[in-house]
C-alpha atoms as a PDB file:
ATOM      1  CA  MET A   1      -7.560 -22.950 -26.487  1.00  0.00           C
ATOM      2  CA  SER A   2      -7.491 -24.038 -22.861  1.00  0.00           C
ATOM      3  CA  LEU A   3      -4.851 -25.918 -20.965  1.00  0.00           C
ATOM      4  CA  GLY A   4      -5.774 -29.379 -19.794  1.00  0.00           C
ATOM      5  CA  PRO A   5      -4.450 -31.052 -16.664  1.00  0.00           C
ATOM      6  CA  TRP A   6      -1.698 -32.904 -18.549  1.00  0.00           C
ATOM      7  CA  GLN A   7      -0.370 -29.737 -20.153  1.00  0.00           C
ATOM      8  CA  ILE A   8      -0.242 -28.004 -16.746  1.00  0.00           C
ATOM      9  CA  ILE A   9       1.623 -30.975 -15.225  1.00  0.00           C
ATOM     10  CA  ILE A  10       4.172 -30.989 -18.072  1.00  0.00           C
ATOM     11  CA  ILE A  11       4.717 -27.219 -17.770  1.00  0.00           C
ATOM     12  CA  ALA A  12       5.173 -27.559 -13.977  1.00  0.00           C
ATOM     13  CA  LEU A  13       7.724 -30.354 -14.453  1.00  0.00           C
ATOM     14  CA  VAL A  14       9.698 -28.335 -17.019  1.00  0.00           C
ATOM     15  CA  ILE A  15       9.780 -25.334 -14.666  1.00  0.00           C
ATOM     16  CA  LEU A  16      10.868 -27.577 -11.789  1.00  0.00           C
ATOM     17  CA  VAL A  17      13.690 -29.055 -13.879  1.00  0.00           C
ATOM     18  CA  LEU A  18      14.865 -25.655 -15.142  1.00  0.00           C
ATOM     19  CA  PHE A  19      14.849 -23.781 -11.845  1.00  0.00           C
ATOM     20  CA  GLY A  20      15.133 -26.528  -9.265  1.00  0.00           C
ATOM     21  CA  ARG A  21      13.181 -26.871  -6.035  1.00  0.00           C
ATOM     22  CA  GLY A  22      15.401 -24.529  -3.990  1.00  0.00           C
ATOM     23  CA  ARG A  23      15.239 -21.664  -6.465  1.00  0.00           C
ATOM     24  CA  ILE A  24      11.427 -21.857  -6.724  1.00  0.00           C
ATOM     25  CA  SER A  25      10.995 -21.794  -2.941  1.00  0.00           C
ATOM     26  CA  GLU A  26      13.401 -18.833  -2.752  1.00  0.00           C
ATOM     27  CA  MET A  27      11.389 -16.940  -5.376  1.00  0.00           C
ATOM     28  CA  MET A  28       8.125 -17.638  -3.530  1.00  0.00           C
ATOM     29  CA  GLY A  29       9.706 -16.381  -0.280  1.00  0.00           C
ATOM     30  CA  ASP A  30      10.771 -13.166  -1.998  1.00  0.00           C
ATOM     31  CA  PHE A  31       7.288 -12.843  -3.485  1.00  0.00           C
ATOM     32  CA  GLY A  32       5.731 -13.191  -0.005  1.00  0.00           C
ATOM     33  CA  LYS A  33       8.090 -10.560   1.425  1.00  0.00           C
ATOM     34  CA  GLY A  34       7.143  -8.208  -1.394  1.00  0.00           C
ATOM     35  CA  ILE A  35       3.432  -8.645  -0.697  1.00  0.00           C
ATOM     36  CA  LYS A  36       3.988  -8.049   3.035  1.00  0.00           C
ATOM     37  CA  SER A  37       5.989  -4.893   2.311  1.00  0.00           C
ATOM     38  CA  PHE A  38       3.279  -3.666  -0.060  1.00  0.00           C
ATOM     39  CA  LYS A  39       0.547  -4.205   2.548  1.00  0.00           C
ATOM     40  CA  GLU A  40       2.595  -2.341   5.191  1.00  0.00           C
ATOM     41  CA  GLY A  41       3.101   0.536   2.760  1.00  0.00           C
ATOM     42  CA  VAL A  42      -0.605   0.733   1.994  1.00  0.00           C
ATOM     43  CA  ALA A  43      -1.463   0.654   5.714  1.00  0.00           C
ATOM     44  CA  ASP A  44       1.112   3.392   6.368  1.00  0.00           C
ATOM     45  CA  THR A  45      -0.391   5.551   3.607  1.00  0.00           C
ATOM     46  CA  ASP A  46      -3.892   5.036   5.008  1.00  0.00           C
ATOM     47  CA  SER A  47      -2.803   6.071   8.515  1.00  0.00           C
ATOM     48  CA  LYS A  48      -1.180   9.241   7.139  1.00  0.00           C
ATOM     49  CA  SER A  49      -4.308  10.209   5.209  1.00  0.00           C
ATOM     50  CA  ALA A  50      -6.446   9.764   8.346  1.00  0.00           C
ATOM     51  CA  ALA A  51      -4.964  12.950   9.843  1.00  0.00           C
ATOM     52  CA  PRO A  52      -7.586  15.675  10.275  1.00  0.00           C
ATOM     53  CA  SER A  53      -7.676  18.333   7.605  1.00  0.00           C
ATOM     54  CA  PRO A  54      -7.733  22.039   8.493  1.00  0.00           C
ATOM     55  CA  ARG A  55     -11.180  23.362   9.306  1.00  0.00           C
ATOM     56  CA  ILE A  56     -12.602  26.075   7.080  1.00  0.00           C
ATOM     57  CA  GLU A  57     -14.844  28.498   8.919  1.00  0.00           C
ATOM     58  CA  GLY A  58     -18.008  29.874   7.363  1.00  0.00           C
ATOM     59  CA  PRO A  59     -19.140  33.508   7.362  1.00  0.00           C
ATOM     60  CA  ALA A  60     -19.269  35.224  10.741  1.00  0.00           C
ATOM     61  CA  GLU A  61     -22.477  36.757  12.127  1.00  0.00           C
ATOM     62  CA  ASN A  62     -21.543  40.248  10.932  1.00  0.00           C
ATOM     63  CA  GLY A  63     -21.174  39.035   7.317  1.00  0.00           C
ATOM     64  CA  THR A  64     -17.382  38.974   7.172  1.00  0.00           C
ATOM     65  CA  VAL A  65     -15.403  35.824   6.583  1.00  0.00           C
ATOM     66  CA  ASP A  66     -13.165  34.600   9.398  1.00  0.00           C
ATOM     67  CA  PRO A  67      -9.615  33.703   8.274  1.00  0.00           C
ATOM     68  CA  VAL A  68      -8.524  30.086   8.566  1.00  0.00           C
ATOM     69  CA  LYS A  69      -6.168  29.588  11.506  1.00  0.00           C
ATOM     70  CA  GLN A  70      -2.672  28.713  10.316  1.00  0.00           C
ATOM     71  CA  PRO A  71      -0.617  26.367  12.517  1.00  0.00           C
ATOM     72  CA  ASP A  72       2.040  28.105  14.579  1.00  0.00           C
ATOM     73  CA  SER A  73       5.475  26.690  15.219  1.00  0.00           C
ATOM     74  CA  SER A  74       4.450  26.357  18.876  1.00  0.00           C
ATOM     75  CA  ASP A  75       1.567  24.037  17.839  1.00  0.00           C
ATOM     76  CA  THR A  76       3.834  21.395  16.293  1.00  0.00           C
ATOM     77  CA  PRO A  77       4.993  18.592  18.616  1.00  0.00           C
ATOM     78  CA  ARG A  78       8.686  17.818  18.765  1.00  0.00           C
END
C-alpha cells in the first residue's frame, strides 16, 4: 500500500493544523541544531583519533627486543 499525492497532502494539512506553523518551524530549527552538533562531535572524534600512536620497535641487531619508550611527564605540553 503506497501513499498517493492526495493522502500526503491531507496528512500534511492535519499536521499543520495540529501543531501550527510556528511550532513546526521551531522543531525543524531544533532538528538542524541537533544535526550540526552531531557533525561537530563526529569531526571532534575524528581529530582525536588522528593523533599518532606509540611506535613499537622491532628486534635490535643483537637479537634482543628494545623496550617501547614510555612518555615522561616532561614530554607532555602544558
